[in-house]
Amino acid sequence: MERCAWVKLDEPVYVKYHDEEWGVPVYDDQKLFEMLCLEGAQAGLNWLTILKRREGYRAAFDGFDVEKILNYDDAKLAVLKEDERIIRNRLKIASVVTNAKSYINMQQKHGSFANYIWSFVDGKPIINHWERIEDVPATTEISDRMSKQLKKDGFKFVGSTICYAFMQAVGMVNDHTKNCHCYQK
């Protein structure tokens, strides 16, 4: 069974993520928030590092329950800074709280976070037809626009590359290469 060339076949968590999640449209607000936070945590690292810590992130950040995250104080942030289950970068940790506030604002303004985030692709996935993984871009005009708007709306760790990776992760963009068994899904 062929997969996209980026998948490390000796890493079961990577194979499972590729086969079951990557490129599959997500419309659940909380799941979208979680993925945006995880993509932000990835900045400067590789996705496998975050994927292996995802359960640790879920535990540390109360299942990405936004209402709980909004109540985090300096003491909670200090505890998170020492939590070995996550990337212990002060700015990345603080960005989850900042992003929770912006997330709530966008939910209120747009009816749901999904409405807001999916508006960047007019509510439907972009299906690309790449022959090789080298053809897949790191950013696009849409991810540039999304990044600028997210920053304007108060989000942190949302550069264009992070936004494009997020779009791929939540199925706003399907970048499975043509030879991949997931391409037709």
N, C-alpha and C. Protein backbone atom coordinates (compact mmCIF):
# COMPACT_ATOMS: atom_id res chain seq x y z
N MET A 1 0.85 -1.18 0.00
CA MET A 1 0.00 0.00 0.00
C MET A 1 0.90 1.24 0.00
N GLU A 2 0.72 2.09 -1.01
CA GLU A 2 1.55 3.29 -1.10
C GLU A 2 0.97 4.44 -0.29
N ARG A 3 1.89 5.22 0.29
CA ARG A 3 1.51 6.40 1.07
C ARG A 3 2.33 7.58 0.60
N CYS A 4 1.94 8.76 1.04
CA CYS A 4 2.73 9.95 0.76
C CYS A 4 4.15 9.75 1.26
N ALA A 5 5.12 10.30 0.54
CA ALA A 5 6.53 10.05 0.83
C ALA A 5 6.98 10.56 2.19
N TRP A 6 6.26 11.51 2.80
CA TRP A 6 6.68 12.05 4.10
C TRP A 6 6.41 11.11 5.27
N VAL A 7 5.61 10.08 5.05
CA VAL A 7 5.23 9.18 6.14
C VAL A 7 6.40 8.27 6.51
N LYS A 8 6.76 8.27 7.76
CA LYS A 8 7.80 7.38 8.26
C LYS A 8 7.12 6.05 8.60
N LEU A 9 7.33 5.06 7.75
CA LEU A 9 6.63 3.79 7.89
C LEU A 9 7.00 3.03 9.15
N ASP A 10 8.14 3.34 9.75
CA ASP A 10 8.55 2.66 10.98
C ASP A 10 7.99 3.35 12.23
N GLU A 11 7.13 4.34 12.02
CA GLU A 11 6.48 5.06 13.13
C GLU A 11 4.97 4.85 13.04
N PRO A 12 4.43 3.85 13.75
CA PRO A 12 3.00 3.54 13.66
C PRO A 12 2.08 4.75 13.91
N VAL A 13 2.47 5.64 14.82
CA VAL A 13 1.64 6.80 15.10
C VAL A 13 1.55 7.71 13.87
N TYR A 14 2.62 7.79 13.11
CA TYR A 14 2.66 8.60 11.89
C TYR A 14 1.79 7.97 10.80
N VAL A 15 1.92 6.66 10.64
CA VAL A 15 1.14 5.94 9.63
C VAL A 15 -0.35 6.09 9.93
N LYS A 16 -0.72 5.89 11.18
CA LYS A 16 -2.14 6.00 11.59
C LYS A 16 -2.65 7.43 11.35
N TYR A 17 -1.85 8.42 11.71
CA TYR A 17 -2.25 9.82 11.50
C TYR A 17 -2.45 10.09 10.01
N HIS A 18 -1.52 9.67 9.19
CA HIS A 18 -1.63 9.87 7.75
C HIS A 18 -2.87 9.19 7.18
N ASP A 19 -3.07 7.93 7.55
CA ASP A 19 -4.15 7.14 6.97
C ASP A 19 -5.54 7.54 7.45
N GLU A 20 -5.63 8.02 8.69
CA GLU A 20 -6.96 8.26 9.27
C GLU A 20 -7.32 9.72 9.49
N GLU A 21 -6.33 10.62 9.55
CA GLU A 21 -6.64 12.01 9.89
C GLU A 21 -6.23 13.03 8.84
N TRP A 22 -5.00 12.95 8.38
CA TRP A 22 -4.44 14.00 7.53
C TRP A 22 -5.25 14.13 6.25
N GLY A 23 -5.75 15.32 6.00
CA GLY A 23 -6.53 15.58 4.80
C GLY A 23 -8.01 15.28 4.94
N VAL A 24 -8.44 14.81 6.11
CA VAL A 24 -9.86 14.51 6.34
C VAL A 24 -10.52 15.75 6.94
N PRO A 25 -11.58 16.25 6.29
CA PRO A 25 -12.22 17.48 6.78
C PRO A 25 -12.73 17.37 8.22
N VAL A 26 -12.39 18.40 9.02
CA VAL A 26 -12.81 18.50 10.42
C VAL A 26 -13.66 19.75 10.55
N TYR A 27 -14.85 19.59 11.15
CA TYR A 27 -15.75 20.73 11.34
C TYR A 27 -16.09 20.95 12.81
N ASP A 28 -15.53 20.12 13.67
CA ASP A 28 -15.77 20.23 15.11
C ASP A 28 -14.90 21.35 15.69
N ASP A 29 -15.53 22.33 16.33
CA ASP A 29 -14.80 23.48 16.85
C ASP A 29 -13.65 23.10 17.77
N GLN A 30 -13.91 22.24 18.73
CA GLN A 30 -12.87 21.89 19.71
C GLN A 30 -11.70 21.17 19.04
N LYS A 31 -11.99 20.28 18.11
CA LYS A 31 -10.93 19.57 17.39
C LYS A 31 -10.11 20.56 16.55
N LEU A 32 -10.78 21.51 15.93
CA LEU A 32 -10.08 22.54 15.15
C LEU A 32 -9.16 23.36 16.06
N PHE A 33 -9.66 23.72 17.24
CA PHE A 33 -8.85 24.48 18.20
C PHE A 33 -7.64 23.66 18.62
N GLU A 34 -7.85 22.40 18.95
CA GLU A 34 -6.74 21.53 19.34
C GLU A 34 -5.68 21.48 18.24
N MET A 35 -6.10 21.27 17.01
CA MET A 35 -5.13 21.15 15.92
C MET A 35 -4.40 22.47 15.67
N LEU A 36 -5.08 23.58 15.81
CA LEU A 36 -4.41 24.87 15.65
C LEU A 36 -3.33 25.05 16.73
N CYS A 37 -3.65 24.67 17.94
CA CYS A 37 -2.67 24.77 19.05
C CYS A 37 -1.50 23.82 18.83
N LEU A 38 -1.79 22.60 18.39
CA LEU A 38 -0.72 21.64 18.16
C LEU A 38 0.18 22.07 17.01
N GLU A 39 -0.41 22.60 15.96
CA GLU A 39 0.40 23.09 14.83
C GLU A 39 1.29 24.24 15.31
N GLY A 40 0.77 25.10 16.16
CA GLY A 40 1.58 26.18 16.72
C GLY A 40 2.72 25.65 17.56
N ALA A 41 2.46 24.58 18.31
CA ALA A 41 3.51 23.96 19.13
C ALA A 41 4.62 23.37 18.26
N GLN A 42 4.26 23.01 17.05
CA GLN A 42 5.22 22.40 16.13
C GLN A 42 6.26 23.40 15.62
N ALA A 43 5.97 24.68 15.65
CA ALA A 43 6.86 25.69 15.07
C ALA A 43 8.32 25.41 15.41
N GLY A 44 9.14 25.23 14.39
CA GLY A 44 10.56 24.97 14.58
C GLY A 44 10.89 23.51 14.86
N LEU A 45 9.89 22.67 14.92
CA LEU A 45 10.08 21.25 15.21
C LEU A 45 9.46 20.42 14.08
N ASN A 46 9.54 19.11 14.18
CA ASN A 46 8.84 18.30 13.19
C ASN A 46 7.53 17.77 13.78
N TRP A 47 6.60 17.45 12.92
CA TRP A 47 5.27 17.06 13.34
C TRP A 47 5.28 15.79 14.18
N LEU A 48 6.18 14.88 13.88
CA LEU A 48 6.24 13.63 14.65
C LEU A 48 6.51 13.91 16.13
N THR A 49 7.32 14.90 16.42
CA THR A 49 7.60 15.27 17.81
C THR A 49 6.32 15.63 18.54
N ILE A 50 5.46 16.39 17.89
CA ILE A 50 4.19 16.81 18.49
C ILE A 50 3.21 15.64 18.52
N LEU A 51 3.15 14.89 17.44
CA LEU A 51 2.23 13.77 17.36
C LEU A 51 2.47 12.76 18.49
N LYS A 52 3.73 12.52 18.79
CA LYS A 52 4.06 11.59 19.87
C LYS A 52 3.68 12.14 21.24
N ARG A 53 3.53 13.44 21.34
CA ARG A 53 3.17 14.09 22.61
C ARG A 53 1.70 14.52 22.65
N ARG A 54 0.94 14.19 21.64
CA ARG A 54 -0.44 14.68 21.57
C ARG A 54 -1.26 14.30 22.80
N GLU A 55 -1.14 13.07 23.26
CA GLU A 55 -1.90 12.68 24.45
C GLU A 55 -1.45 13.47 25.68
N GLY A 56 -0.15 13.75 25.75
CA GLY A 56 0.37 14.58 26.83
C GLY A 56 -0.19 15.99 26.76
N TYR A 57 -0.28 16.52 25.56
CA TYR A 57 -0.89 17.85 25.37
C TYR A 57 -2.34 17.85 25.81
N ARG A 58 -3.06 16.82 25.41
CA ARG A 58 -4.49 16.74 25.78
C ARG A 58 -4.65 16.69 27.29
N ALA A 59 -3.79 15.93 27.95
CA ALA A 59 -3.86 15.85 29.41
C ALA A 59 -3.46 17.18 30.05
N ALA A 60 -2.38 17.76 29.59
CA ALA A 60 -1.87 19.00 30.18
C ALA A 60 -2.83 20.17 29.99
N PHE A 61 -3.48 20.21 28.83
CA PHE A 61 -4.37 21.32 28.51
C PHE A 61 -5.86 20.95 28.64
N ASP A 62 -6.15 20.07 29.59
CA ASP A 62 -7.54 19.73 29.93
C ASP A 62 -8.38 19.38 28.70
N GLY A 63 -7.80 18.55 27.83
CA GLY A 63 -8.55 18.12 26.65
C GLY A 63 -8.85 19.25 25.68
N PHE A 64 -8.08 20.32 25.78
CA PHE A 64 -8.29 21.53 24.98
C PHE A 64 -9.69 22.10 25.20
N ASP A 65 -10.16 21.97 26.43
CA ASP A 65 -11.44 22.56 26.83
C ASP A 65 -11.21 24.07 26.99
N VAL A 66 -11.74 24.83 26.07
CA VAL A 66 -11.48 26.27 26.01
C VAL A 66 -11.94 26.98 27.28
N GLU A 67 -13.07 26.57 27.82
CA GLU A 67 -13.57 27.23 29.04
C GLU A 67 -12.59 27.06 30.20
N LYS A 68 -11.97 25.90 30.30
CA LYS A 68 -10.97 25.68 31.36
C LYS A 68 -9.70 26.48 31.06
N ILE A 69 -9.28 26.46 29.81
CA ILE A 69 -8.05 27.17 29.42
C ILE A 69 -8.18 28.67 29.68
N LEU A 70 -9.35 29.22 29.48
CA LEU A 70 -9.57 30.65 29.71
C LEU A 70 -9.31 31.04 31.17
N ASN A 71 -9.41 30.07 32.07
CA ASN A 71 -9.20 30.34 33.50
C ASN A 71 -7.78 30.06 33.97
N TYR A 72 -6.88 29.70 33.06
CA TYR A 72 -5.50 29.45 33.46
C TYR A 72 -4.89 30.76 33.99
N ASP A 73 -4.21 30.63 35.13
CA ASP A 73 -3.52 31.78 35.71
C ASP A 73 -2.01 31.55 35.63
N ASP A 74 -1.25 32.46 36.18
CA ASP A 74 0.21 32.35 36.13
C ASP A 74 0.72 31.08 36.79
N ALA A 75 0.04 30.65 37.85
CA ALA A 75 0.46 29.42 38.54
C ALA A 75 0.29 28.21 37.62
N LYS A 76 -0.82 28.14 36.91
CA LYS A 76 -1.07 27.03 35.98
C LYS A 76 -0.05 27.08 34.83
N LEU A 77 0.24 28.25 34.33
CA LEU A 77 1.22 28.38 33.25
C LEU A 77 2.61 27.94 33.73
N ALA A 78 2.94 28.22 34.98
CA ALA A 78 4.22 27.79 35.55
C ALA A 78 4.28 26.26 35.65
N VAL A 79 3.18 25.64 36.02
CA VAL A 79 3.11 24.17 36.09
C VAL A 79 3.30 23.59 34.68
N LEU A 80 2.63 24.18 33.70
CA LEU A 80 2.75 23.71 32.33
C LEU A 80 4.19 23.84 31.82
N LYS A 81 4.86 24.88 32.23
CA LYS A 81 6.25 25.12 31.80
C LYS A 81 7.17 24.00 32.28
N GLU A 82 6.78 23.29 33.32
CA GLU A 82 7.59 22.18 33.86
C GLU A 82 7.08 20.81 33.40
N ASP A 83 6.02 20.77 32.64
CA ASP A 83 5.38 19.52 32.23
C ASP A 83 6.16 18.88 31.08
N GLU A 84 6.77 17.75 31.34
CA GLU A 84 7.62 17.08 30.35
C GLU A 84 6.82 16.41 29.23
N ARG A 85 5.50 16.36 29.35
CA ARG A 85 4.69 15.75 28.30
C ARG A 85 4.51 16.67 27.10
N ILE A 86 4.85 17.95 27.26
CA ILE A 86 4.65 18.94 26.19
C ILE A 86 5.96 19.66 25.90
N ILE A 87 5.96 20.46 24.84
CA ILE A 87 7.11 21.31 24.55
C ILE A 87 7.05 22.46 25.54
N ARG A 88 8.09 22.60 26.33
CA ARG A 88 8.08 23.55 27.45
C ARG A 88 8.61 24.93 27.06
N ASN A 89 8.00 25.47 26.05
CA ASN A 89 8.35 26.81 25.58
C ASN A 89 7.30 27.77 26.13
N ARG A 90 7.76 28.74 26.90
CA ARG A 90 6.85 29.68 27.57
C ARG A 90 5.90 30.37 26.60
N LEU A 91 6.42 30.84 25.47
CA LEU A 91 5.58 31.56 24.51
C LEU A 91 4.55 30.64 23.85
N LYS A 92 4.96 29.42 23.55
CA LYS A 92 4.01 28.47 22.95
C LYS A 92 2.92 28.09 23.94
N ILE A 93 3.28 27.91 25.18
CA ILE A 93 2.29 27.59 26.21
C ILE A 93 1.31 28.75 26.39
N ALA A 94 1.83 29.95 26.50
CA ALA A 94 0.98 31.13 26.68
C ALA A 94 0.08 31.35 25.47
N SER A 95 0.55 30.95 24.28
CA SER A 95 -0.25 31.15 23.07
C SER A 95 -1.55 30.35 23.10
N VAL A 96 -1.57 29.24 23.82
CA VAL A 96 -2.80 28.45 23.91
C VAL A 96 -3.89 29.25 24.62
N VAL A 97 -3.52 29.98 25.66
CA VAL A 97 -4.49 30.81 26.39
C VAL A 97 -4.92 31.99 25.51
N THR A 98 -3.96 32.63 24.88
CA THR A 98 -4.28 33.74 23.97
C THR A 98 -5.20 33.27 22.85
N ASN A 99 -4.88 32.12 22.28
CA ASN A 99 -5.68 31.59 21.18
C ASN A 99 -7.08 31.19 21.65
N ALA A 100 -7.20 30.75 22.89
CA ALA A 100 -8.52 30.40 23.42
C ALA A 100 -9.42 31.64 23.46
N LYS A 101 -8.85 32.76 23.85
CA LYS A 101 -9.62 34.01 23.90
C LYS A 101 -10.06 34.42 22.49
N SER A 102 -9.15 34.34 21.55
CA SER A 102 -9.48 34.70 20.17
C SER A 102 -10.48 33.71 19.57
N TYR A 103 -10.32 32.46 19.91
CA TYR A 103 -11.24 31.41 19.45
C TYR A 103 -12.67 31.73 19.89
N ILE A 104 -12.84 32.07 21.17
CA ILE A 104 -14.17 32.42 21.69
C ILE A 104 -14.73 33.63 20.94
N ASN A 105 -13.89 34.63 20.72
CA ASN A 105 -14.34 35.82 19.98
C ASN A 105 -14.80 35.46 18.58
N MET A 106 -14.09 34.56 17.90
CA MET A 106 -14.47 34.17 16.54
C MET A 106 -15.73 33.31 16.55
N GLN A 107 -15.88 32.47 17.56
CA GLN A 107 -17.12 31.70 17.69
C GLN A 107 -18.31 32.63 17.80
N GLN A 108 -18.18 33.63 18.66
CA GLN A 108 -19.29 34.57 18.88
C GLN A 108 -19.57 35.39 17.63
N LYS A 109 -18.53 35.80 16.95
CA LYS A 109 -18.69 36.65 15.76
C LYS A 109 -19.24 35.88 14.56
N HIS A 110 -18.86 34.61 14.42
CA HIS A 110 -19.18 33.84 13.21
C HIS A 110 -20.15 32.68 13.46
N GLY A 111 -20.61 32.51 14.69
CA GLY A 111 -21.52 31.41 14.99
C GLY A 111 -20.82 30.14 15.40
N SER A 112 -19.63 29.92 14.86
CA SER A 112 -18.78 28.79 15.26
C SER A 112 -17.37 29.07 14.76
N PHE A 113 -16.41 28.42 15.38
CA PHE A 113 -15.04 28.56 14.91
C PHE A 113 -14.90 27.92 13.54
N ALA A 114 -15.63 26.82 13.32
CA ALA A 114 -15.59 26.15 12.01
C ALA A 114 -16.04 27.09 10.90
N ASN A 115 -17.11 27.84 11.14
CA ASN A 115 -17.57 28.80 10.13
C ASN A 115 -16.46 29.78 9.78
N TYR A 116 -15.81 30.28 10.80
CA TYR A 116 -14.73 31.25 10.63
C TYR A 116 -13.57 30.65 9.84
N ILE A 117 -13.05 29.51 10.31
CA ILE A 117 -11.83 28.97 9.73
C ILE A 117 -12.07 28.43 8.32
N TRP A 118 -13.23 27.80 8.11
CA TRP A 118 -13.53 27.24 6.79
C TRP A 118 -13.88 28.32 5.76
N SER A 119 -14.16 29.54 6.22
CA SER A 119 -14.45 30.61 5.27
C SER A 119 -13.25 30.94 4.39
N PHE A 120 -12.06 30.59 4.84
CA PHE A 120 -10.86 30.86 4.05
C PHE A 120 -10.81 30.02 2.78
N VAL A 121 -11.56 28.91 2.76
CA VAL A 121 -11.63 28.04 1.56
C VAL A 121 -13.07 27.92 1.07
N ASP A 122 -13.85 28.94 1.36
CA ASP A 122 -15.26 28.99 0.93
C ASP A 122 -16.05 27.76 1.38
N GLY A 123 -15.68 27.21 2.53
CA GLY A 123 -16.45 26.14 3.14
C GLY A 123 -16.24 24.75 2.57
N LYS A 124 -15.36 24.61 1.59
CA LYS A 124 -15.15 23.27 1.01
C LYS A 124 -13.67 22.99 0.81
N PRO A 125 -13.27 21.74 0.95
CA PRO A 125 -11.85 21.38 0.83
C PRO A 125 -11.29 21.67 -0.56
N ILE A 126 -10.04 22.06 -0.58
CA ILE A 126 -9.29 22.19 -1.83
C ILE A 126 -8.63 20.85 -2.07
N ILE A 127 -8.91 20.25 -3.20
CA ILE A 127 -8.33 18.95 -3.54
C ILE A 127 -7.22 19.19 -4.56
N ASN A 128 -6.00 18.93 -4.16
CA ASN A 128 -4.87 19.10 -5.07
C ASN A 128 -4.53 17.77 -5.73
N HIS A 129 -3.74 17.84 -6.76
CA HIS A 129 -3.42 16.67 -7.58
C HIS A 129 -1.91 16.60 -7.80
N TRP A 130 -1.19 16.44 -6.70
CA TRP A 130 0.27 16.44 -6.77
C TRP A 130 0.80 15.07 -7.17
N GLU A 131 1.80 15.09 -8.03
CA GLU A 131 2.47 13.85 -8.44
C GLU A 131 3.50 13.42 -7.39
N ARG A 132 4.24 14.40 -6.86
CA ARG A 132 5.34 14.11 -5.93
C ARG A 132 5.20 14.99 -4.71
N ILE A 133 5.71 14.54 -3.60
CA ILE A 133 5.65 15.31 -2.36
C ILE A 133 6.42 16.63 -2.50
N GLU A 134 7.43 16.63 -3.36
CA GLU A 134 8.21 17.85 -3.59
C GLU A 134 7.38 18.96 -4.25
N ASP A 135 6.27 18.58 -4.86
CA ASP A 135 5.40 19.56 -5.52
C ASP A 135 4.49 20.29 -4.53
N VAL A 136 4.32 19.72 -3.35
CA VAL A 136 3.42 20.29 -2.34
C VAL A 136 4.06 21.54 -1.74
N PRO A 137 3.34 22.66 -1.78
CA PRO A 137 3.92 23.90 -1.24
C PRO A 137 3.91 23.92 0.29
N ALA A 138 4.74 24.77 0.85
CA ALA A 138 4.75 24.99 2.30
C ALA A 138 3.77 26.08 2.69
N THR A 139 3.49 26.98 1.76
CA THR A 139 2.52 28.06 1.97
C THR A 139 1.80 28.31 0.65
N THR A 140 0.68 28.98 0.74
CA THR A 140 -0.07 29.39 -0.45
C THR A 140 -0.62 30.79 -0.21
N GLU A 141 -1.21 31.33 -1.22
CA GLU A 141 -1.85 32.64 -1.08
C GLU A 141 -2.94 32.58 0.00
N ILE A 142 -3.65 31.47 0.07
CA ILE A 142 -4.71 31.32 1.07
C ILE A 142 -4.12 31.24 2.48
N SER A 143 -3.05 30.47 2.64
CA SER A 143 -2.44 30.38 3.99
C SER A 143 -1.83 31.72 4.39
N ASP A 144 -1.32 32.47 3.43
CA ASP A 144 -0.83 33.83 3.72
C ASP A 144 -1.96 34.70 4.24
N ARG A 145 -3.09 34.65 3.55
CA ARG A 145 -4.26 35.45 3.93
C ARG A 145 -4.79 35.01 5.29
N MET A 146 -4.87 33.69 5.49
CA MET A 146 -5.35 33.16 6.77
C MET A 146 -4.44 33.62 7.90
N SER A 147 -3.14 33.51 7.71
CA SER A 147 -2.18 33.91 8.73
C SER A 147 -2.36 35.37 9.11
N LYS A 148 -2.46 36.23 8.13
CA LYS A 148 -2.63 37.66 8.40
C LYS A 148 -3.91 37.92 9.18
N GLN A 149 -5.00 37.24 8.79
CA GLN A 149 -6.27 37.46 9.47
C GLN A 149 -6.27 36.90 10.89
N LEU A 150 -5.71 35.71 11.05
CA LEU A 150 -5.63 35.13 12.39
C LEU A 150 -4.83 36.03 13.32
N LYS A 151 -3.71 36.53 12.84
CA LYS A 151 -2.91 37.45 13.66
C LYS A 151 -3.70 38.71 13.99
N LYS A 152 -4.40 39.24 13.00
CA LYS A 152 -5.24 40.43 13.21
C LYS A 152 -6.31 40.15 14.26
N ASP A 153 -6.80 38.91 14.28
CA ASP A 153 -7.84 38.52 15.23
C ASP A 153 -7.27 38.05 16.57
N GLY A 154 -5.97 38.21 16.77
CA GLY A 154 -5.37 37.97 18.08
C GLY A 154 -4.69 36.64 18.29
N PHE A 155 -4.67 35.77 17.30
CA PHE A 155 -4.04 34.45 17.45
C PHE A 155 -2.53 34.56 17.39
N LYS A 156 -1.85 33.62 18.05
CA LYS A 156 -0.39 33.56 18.08
C LYS A 156 0.09 32.23 17.49
N PHE A 157 1.33 32.22 17.02
CA PHE A 157 1.93 31.05 16.38
C PHE A 157 1.07 30.58 15.22
N VAL A 158 0.77 31.51 14.34
CA VAL A 158 -0.07 31.22 13.17
C VAL A 158 0.55 31.83 11.91
N GLY A 159 1.85 31.60 11.71
CA GLY A 159 2.49 32.03 10.47
C GLY A 159 1.92 31.26 9.30
N SER A 160 2.25 31.67 8.11
CA SER A 160 1.69 31.06 6.91
C SER A 160 2.00 29.57 6.79
N THR A 161 3.22 29.16 7.13
CA THR A 161 3.58 27.74 7.07
C THR A 161 2.76 26.93 8.07
N ILE A 162 2.60 27.46 9.27
CA ILE A 162 1.77 26.79 10.28
C ILE A 162 0.32 26.71 9.78
N CYS A 163 -0.17 27.79 9.21
CA CYS A 163 -1.55 27.79 8.71
C CYS A 163 -1.74 26.75 7.61
N TYR A 164 -0.75 26.63 6.71
CA TYR A 164 -0.91 25.64 5.63
C TYR A 164 -0.87 24.22 6.20
N ALA A 165 0.03 23.97 7.14
CA ALA A 165 0.07 22.65 7.78
C ALA A 165 -1.24 22.36 8.50
N PHE A 166 -1.81 23.36 9.15
CA PHE A 166 -3.11 23.22 9.80
C PHE A 166 -4.19 22.90 8.77
N MET A 167 -4.18 23.61 7.65
CA MET A 167 -5.17 23.37 6.60
C MET A 167 -5.09 21.93 6.09
N GLN A 168 -3.87 21.42 5.95
CA GLN A 168 -3.69 20.03 5.53
C GLN A 168 -4.19 19.08 6.60
N ALA A 169 -3.85 19.37 7.85
CA ALA A 169 -4.19 18.48 8.96
C ALA A 169 -5.69 18.34 9.15
N VAL A 170 -6.44 19.43 8.94
CA VAL A 170 -7.89 19.39 9.18
C VAL A 170 -8.70 19.26 7.90
N GLY A 171 -8.03 18.92 6.82
CA GLY A 171 -8.74 18.62 5.57
C GLY A 171 -9.26 19.81 4.80
N MET A 172 -8.84 21.00 5.15
CA MET A 172 -9.21 22.16 4.34
C MET A 172 -8.51 22.06 2.99
N VAL A 173 -7.37 21.37 2.99
CA VAL A 173 -6.59 21.08 1.80
C VAL A 173 -6.29 19.58 1.83
N ASN A 174 -6.49 18.92 0.70
CA ASN A 174 -6.09 17.52 0.60
C ASN A 174 -4.87 17.47 -0.30
N ASP A 175 -3.72 17.21 0.29
CA ASP A 175 -2.46 17.17 -0.43
C ASP A 175 -1.87 15.77 -0.54
N HIS A 176 -2.70 14.74 -0.40
CA HIS A 176 -2.19 13.40 -0.65
C HIS A 176 -1.74 13.33 -2.10
N THR A 177 -0.57 12.76 -2.33
CA THR A 177 -0.07 12.63 -3.69
C THR A 177 -0.88 11.57 -4.43
N LYS A 178 -0.88 11.65 -5.74
CA LYS A 178 -1.71 10.78 -6.58
C LYS A 178 -1.43 9.29 -6.37
N ASN A 179 -0.19 8.94 -6.00
CA ASN A 179 0.15 7.54 -5.80
C ASN A 179 -0.28 7.01 -4.43
N CYS A 180 -0.70 7.88 -3.55
CA CYS A 180 -1.09 7.50 -2.18
C CYS A 180 -2.47 6.86 -2.17
N HIS A 181 -2.63 5.82 -1.34
CA HIS A 181 -3.93 5.15 -1.27
C HIS A 181 -5.02 6.06 -0.69
N CYS A 182 -4.63 7.12 0.00
CA CYS A 182 -5.61 8.05 0.56
C CYS A 182 -6.05 9.14 -0.43
N TYR A 183 -5.39 9.21 -1.56
CA TYR A 183 -5.68 10.26 -2.54
C TYR A 183 -7.15 10.23 -2.96
N GLN A 184 -7.68 9.06 -3.18
CA GLN A 184 -9.07 8.94 -3.66
C GLN A 184 -10.11 9.17 -2.58
N LYS A 185 -9.70 9.06 -1.30
CA LYS A 185 -10.65 9.28 -0.21
C LYS A 185 -11.17 10.69 -0.29
